[in-house]
N, C-alpha and C. Protein backbone atom coordinates (compact mmCIF):
# COMPACT_ATOMS: atom_id res chain seq x y z
N MET A 1 -12.44 17.71 4.53
CA MET A 1 -12.09 17.07 5.78
C MET A 1 -11.12 15.89 5.36
N SER A 2 -10.37 15.58 6.14
CA SER A 2 -9.31 14.25 5.57
C SER A 2 -9.83 12.90 5.95
N TYR A 3 -9.30 12.12 5.20
CA TYR A 3 -9.90 10.81 5.53
C TYR A 3 -8.83 10.13 6.59
N ARG A 4 -9.34 9.08 7.33
CA ARG A 4 -8.33 8.43 8.05
C ARG A 4 -7.84 7.39 7.23
N VAL A 5 -6.46 6.96 7.47
CA VAL A 5 -5.74 5.84 6.73
C VAL A 5 -5.33 4.74 7.77
N ASP A 6 -6.02 3.65 7.39
CA ASP A 6 -5.67 2.51 8.35
C ASP A 6 -4.81 1.48 7.20
N ALA A 7 -4.73 0.28 7.88
CA ALA A 7 -3.95 -0.83 7.08
C ALA A 7 -4.47 -2.09 7.82
N LEU A 8 -4.78 -3.13 7.14
CA LEU A 8 -4.93 -4.18 7.72
C LEU A 8 -3.78 -4.98 8.05
N PRO A 9 -3.95 -5.88 9.00
CA PRO A 9 -2.86 -6.72 9.21
C PRO A 9 -1.65 -7.35 8.02
N GLN A 10 -2.58 -7.90 7.31
CA GLN A 10 -1.85 -8.22 5.91
C GLN A 10 -1.07 -7.32 5.21
N PHE A 11 -1.42 -6.06 5.24
CA PHE A 11 -0.60 -5.05 4.54
C PHE A 11 0.45 -4.76 5.32
N GLU A 12 0.39 -4.87 6.94
CA GLU A 12 1.59 -4.46 7.80
C GLU A 12 2.69 -5.75 7.43
N ALA A 13 2.16 -6.86 7.12
CA ALA A 13 2.79 -7.89 7.11
C ALA A 13 3.79 -7.85 5.77
N ASP A 14 2.98 -7.51 4.85
CA ASP A 14 3.57 -7.29 3.66
C ASP A 14 4.76 -6.20 3.52
N ILE A 15 4.62 -5.25 4.36
CA ILE A 15 5.63 -4.13 4.55
C ILE A 15 6.81 -4.96 5.27
N ARG A 16 6.53 -5.47 6.12
CA ARG A 16 7.85 -6.25 7.20
C ARG A 16 8.43 -7.14 6.01
N ARG A 17 7.95 -7.91 4.95
CA ARG A 17 8.25 -8.80 4.29
C ARG A 17 9.31 -7.93 3.29
N ALA A 18 8.63 -7.09 2.61
CA ALA A 18 9.46 -6.13 1.69
C ALA A 18 10.64 -5.68 2.42
N SER A 19 10.45 -5.20 3.63
CA SER A 19 11.61 -4.46 4.40
C SER A 19 12.62 -5.26 4.77
N ARG A 20 12.22 -6.74 5.06
CA ARG A 20 13.22 -7.96 5.40
C ARG A 20 14.02 -8.11 4.23
N TRP A 21 13.33 -8.23 3.08
CA TRP A 21 14.14 -8.29 1.83
C TRP A 21 15.16 -7.26 1.63
N LEU A 22 14.58 -6.22 1.72
CA LEU A 22 15.56 -4.95 1.42
C LEU A 22 16.62 -4.91 1.98
N ALA A 23 16.37 -5.35 3.49
CA ALA A 23 17.54 -5.27 4.46
C ALA A 23 18.77 -6.29 4.08
N ALA A 24 18.03 -7.57 3.68
CA ALA A 24 18.95 -8.64 3.49
C ALA A 24 19.79 -8.43 2.28
N GLU A 25 19.15 -7.78 0.98
CA GLU A 25 19.61 -7.78 -0.26
C GLU A 25 20.32 -6.49 -0.35
N ILE A 26 20.32 -5.48 0.28
CA ILE A 26 20.64 -4.28 -0.14
C ILE A 26 21.39 -3.48 1.37
N GLY A 27 20.68 -3.69 2.38
CA GLY A 27 20.87 -3.22 3.54
C GLY A 27 19.90 -2.46 4.18
N PRO A 28 20.30 -2.40 5.70
CA PRO A 28 19.05 -1.86 6.70
C PRO A 28 18.63 -0.50 6.27
N MET A 29 19.53 0.54 5.98
CA MET A 29 19.32 1.79 5.87
C MET A 29 18.26 1.84 4.60
N THR A 30 18.45 1.06 3.65
CA THR A 30 17.52 1.03 2.50
C THR A 30 16.13 0.73 3.03
N ALA A 31 15.97 -0.43 3.78
CA ALA A 31 14.88 -1.02 4.32
C ALA A 31 14.20 0.11 5.08
N GLU A 32 14.76 0.75 5.82
CA GLU A 32 14.18 2.10 6.87
C GLU A 32 13.58 3.15 5.88
N ASN A 33 14.48 3.48 4.74
CA ASN A 33 14.32 4.51 3.93
C ASN A 33 12.98 4.30 3.01
N PHE A 34 13.01 2.83 2.69
CA PHE A 34 11.65 2.28 2.26
C PHE A 34 10.57 2.66 2.71
N GLU A 35 10.62 1.96 4.03
CA GLU A 35 9.18 2.17 5.03
C GLU A 35 8.89 3.66 5.10
N ARG A 36 9.66 4.28 5.62
CA ARG A 36 9.65 5.78 5.85
C ARG A 36 9.07 6.57 4.34
N ALA A 37 9.49 6.36 3.19
CA ALA A 37 9.04 6.72 2.10
C ALA A 37 7.56 6.31 1.82
N LEU A 38 7.45 4.89 2.06
CA LEU A 38 6.09 4.54 1.62
C LEU A 38 5.02 4.96 2.64
N LYS A 39 5.30 5.05 3.75
CA LYS A 39 4.36 5.73 4.87
C LYS A 39 3.96 7.19 4.67
N THR A 40 5.14 8.06 4.04
CA THR A 40 4.90 9.31 3.56
C THR A 40 3.96 9.36 2.47
N ARG A 41 4.26 8.41 1.37
CA ARG A 41 3.38 8.38 0.07
C ARG A 41 1.97 8.33 0.38
N LEU A 42 1.78 6.96 1.26
CA LEU A 42 0.33 6.45 1.32
C LEU A 42 -0.31 7.73 2.46
N LYS A 43 0.39 8.54 3.18
CA LYS A 43 -0.62 9.31 4.08
C LYS A 43 -1.09 10.42 3.02
N ARG A 44 -0.53 10.81 1.88
CA ARG A 44 -1.22 11.82 0.97
C ARG A 44 -2.54 11.40 0.61
N LEU A 45 -2.90 9.98 0.77
CA LEU A 45 -4.13 9.88 0.42
C LEU A 45 -5.44 10.11 1.47
N GLU A 46 -4.84 10.68 2.47
CA GLU A 46 -5.76 11.39 3.51
C GLU A 46 -6.62 12.51 2.92
N ASP A 47 -6.01 13.24 2.00
CA ASP A 47 -6.46 14.38 1.51
C ASP A 47 -7.02 14.03 0.00
N PHE A 48 -6.48 13.01 -0.70
CA PHE A 48 -6.87 12.70 -2.07
C PHE A 48 -7.02 11.29 -2.23
N PRO A 49 -8.14 10.52 -1.49
CA PRO A 49 -8.06 9.17 -1.28
C PRO A 49 -8.61 8.58 -2.79
N HIS A 50 -9.10 9.18 -3.73
CA HIS A 50 -9.49 8.72 -4.98
C HIS A 50 -8.52 8.75 -6.16
N THR A 51 -7.41 9.13 -5.69
CA THR A 51 -6.38 9.48 -6.77
C THR A 51 -5.51 8.15 -7.25
N GLY A 52 -5.76 6.97 -6.73
CA GLY A 52 -5.17 5.78 -7.05
C GLY A 52 -5.78 5.36 -8.27
N ARG A 53 -5.21 4.33 -8.93
CA ARG A 53 -5.66 3.82 -10.35
C ARG A 53 -6.52 2.58 -10.06
N HIS A 54 -7.39 2.33 -10.91
CA HIS A 54 -8.33 1.10 -11.14
C HIS A 54 -7.75 -0.28 -11.68
N ASP A 55 -7.65 -1.37 -11.17
CA ASP A 55 -7.39 -2.61 -11.76
C ASP A 55 -8.48 -3.33 -11.87
N PRO A 56 -8.97 -3.51 -13.44
CA PRO A 56 -10.17 -4.45 -13.59
C PRO A 56 -10.28 -5.80 -12.76
N MET A 57 -8.88 -6.04 -12.48
CA MET A 57 -9.02 -7.63 -12.00
C MET A 57 -9.32 -7.43 -10.23
N VAL A 58 -9.42 -6.26 -9.81
CA VAL A 58 -9.66 -6.04 -8.57
C VAL A 58 -10.71 -5.21 -8.20
N PRO A 59 -11.97 -5.56 -8.53
CA PRO A 59 -13.05 -4.65 -8.19
C PRO A 59 -13.34 -4.07 -6.96
N GLY A 60 -13.49 -2.90 -6.66
CA GLY A 60 -13.66 -2.18 -5.30
C GLY A 60 -12.64 -1.72 -4.67
N HIS A 61 -11.39 -1.74 -5.30
CA HIS A 61 -10.03 -1.44 -4.82
C HIS A 61 -9.44 -0.79 -5.84
N LEU A 62 -8.67 0.34 -5.05
CA LEU A 62 -7.62 1.22 -6.19
C LEU A 62 -6.24 0.77 -5.82
N PHE A 63 -5.11 1.26 -6.38
CA PHE A 63 -3.80 1.13 -5.95
C PHE A 63 -3.08 2.17 -6.36
N VAL A 64 -1.85 2.12 -5.77
CA VAL A 64 -0.85 3.49 -6.01
C VAL A 64 0.58 2.73 -6.13
N ARG A 65 1.08 3.01 -7.16
CA ARG A 65 2.42 2.44 -7.04
C ARG A 65 3.58 3.04 -6.66
N PHE A 66 4.13 2.19 -5.69
CA PHE A 66 5.29 2.87 -4.90
C PHE A 66 6.69 2.09 -5.22
N ARG A 67 7.57 2.63 -5.94
CA ARG A 67 8.77 1.71 -6.45
C ARG A 67 8.45 0.79 -7.16
N GLN A 68 8.81 -0.57 -6.83
CA GLN A 68 8.54 -1.65 -7.33
C GLN A 68 6.86 -2.53 -6.93
N TYR A 69 6.36 -1.61 -6.30
CA TYR A 69 5.15 -2.46 -5.38
C TYR A 69 3.86 -1.67 -5.89
N HIS A 70 2.65 -2.40 -5.63
CA HIS A 70 1.48 -1.56 -5.70
C HIS A 70 0.94 -1.84 -4.46
N ALA A 71 0.32 -0.88 -3.84
CA ALA A 71 -0.13 -0.72 -2.48
C ALA A 71 -1.84 -0.82 -2.76
N PHE A 72 -2.53 -1.88 -2.62
CA PHE A 72 -4.04 -1.82 -2.98
C PHE A 72 -4.63 -1.40 -1.80
N TYR A 73 -5.78 -0.48 -1.97
CA TYR A 73 -6.77 -0.23 -0.91
C TYR A 73 -7.84 -0.09 -1.41
N ARG A 74 -8.96 0.35 -0.44
CA ARG A 74 -10.39 0.62 -0.62
C ARG A 74 -10.56 1.96 0.12
N VAL A 75 -11.75 2.46 -0.57
CA VAL A 75 -12.04 3.87 -0.06
C VAL A 75 -13.45 3.67 0.75
N GLU A 76 -13.59 3.84 1.79
CA GLU A 76 -14.90 3.78 2.66
C GLU A 76 -15.33 5.31 2.73
N ASP A 77 -16.05 5.92 1.91
CA ASP A 77 -16.40 7.29 1.88
C ASP A 77 -17.11 7.54 2.95
N GLU A 78 -18.25 6.65 3.39
CA GLU A 78 -19.09 7.05 4.54
C GLU A 78 -18.46 7.25 5.83
N SER A 79 -17.35 6.32 6.31
CA SER A 79 -16.50 6.42 7.40
C SER A 79 -15.20 7.56 7.15
N ARG A 80 -15.35 7.77 5.88
CA ARG A 80 -13.91 8.82 5.59
C ARG A 80 -12.70 7.97 5.85
N ARG A 81 -12.58 6.68 5.25
CA ARG A 81 -11.52 6.13 5.80
C ARG A 81 -10.99 5.38 4.35
N VAL A 82 -9.60 5.26 4.43
CA VAL A 82 -8.80 4.77 3.57
C VAL A 82 -8.13 3.45 4.09
N VAL A 83 -8.35 2.17 3.54
CA VAL A 83 -7.96 1.12 4.23
C VAL A 83 -6.97 0.25 3.11
N PHE A 84 -5.80 -0.04 3.57
CA PHE A 84 -4.91 -0.56 2.96
C PHE A 84 -4.91 -2.17 3.12
N VAL A 85 -4.94 -2.75 1.88
CA VAL A 85 -5.22 -4.31 2.04
C VAL A 85 -3.98 -4.98 1.92
N ARG A 86 -3.32 -4.75 0.75
CA ARG A 86 -1.91 -5.58 0.24
C ARG A 86 -1.19 -4.65 -0.41
N LEU A 87 0.44 -5.14 0.07
CA LEU A 87 1.67 -4.26 -0.72
C LEU A 87 2.12 -5.36 -1.56
N TRP A 88 1.92 -5.36 -2.81
CA TRP A 88 2.30 -6.52 -3.62
C TRP A 88 3.32 -6.09 -4.75
N PRO A 89 4.30 -6.86 -5.01
CA PRO A 89 5.24 -6.58 -5.84
C PRO A 89 4.65 -6.66 -7.45
N ALA A 90 4.88 -5.44 -8.10
CA ALA A 90 4.14 -5.25 -9.15
C ALA A 90 4.35 -6.29 -10.21
N ALA A 91 5.77 -6.81 -10.14
CA ALA A 91 6.23 -7.93 -11.31
C ALA A 91 5.47 -9.06 -11.06
N ARG A 92 4.64 -9.32 -10.01
CA ARG A 92 3.94 -10.40 -9.68
C ARG A 92 2.60 -10.61 -10.27
N GLY A 93 2.15 -9.39 -10.62
CA GLY A 93 0.77 -9.14 -11.31
C GLY A 93 -0.33 -8.81 -10.02
N THR A 94 -1.52 -9.39 -10.23
CA THR A 94 -2.51 -8.95 -9.19
C THR A 94 -2.38 -10.10 -8.01
N PRO A 95 -2.64 -9.58 -6.76
CA PRO A 95 -2.57 -10.59 -5.63
C PRO A 95 -3.64 -11.29 -5.80
N PRO A 96 -3.42 -12.57 -5.38
CA PRO A 96 -4.59 -13.78 -5.33
C PRO A 96 -5.73 -13.17 -4.16
N ILE A 97 -5.53 -12.67 -2.93
CA ILE A 97 -6.38 -12.52 -2.45
C ILE A 97 -6.15 -11.19 -1.50
N LEU A 98 -7.20 -10.44 -1.51
CA LEU A 98 -7.21 -8.93 -1.23
C LEU A 98 -7.49 -8.81 0.64
N GLU A 99 -8.27 -9.82 0.89
CA GLU A 99 -8.70 -9.57 2.16
C GLU A 99 -8.82 -11.01 2.97
């Protein structure tokens, strides 16, 4: 049985921020492709929620790398849910606040 994939408002805001930057620096098509590819990649976690990597600085969360970003999430096995909390530029290290 698949898990449901959800995103916190901060994660959605992080996607919008990344897309605005890409649109301004590279072009709107790049931003649209980025969002579409990111959502496709994260949807895979419906079937394989525990495939992300652990970051010892962020207990209780996993992350998947997507291009130059880390998408941090937690798995709620009891409710069969994957919750994305932050999309963070990998070059900036660990996000200061996840929730």
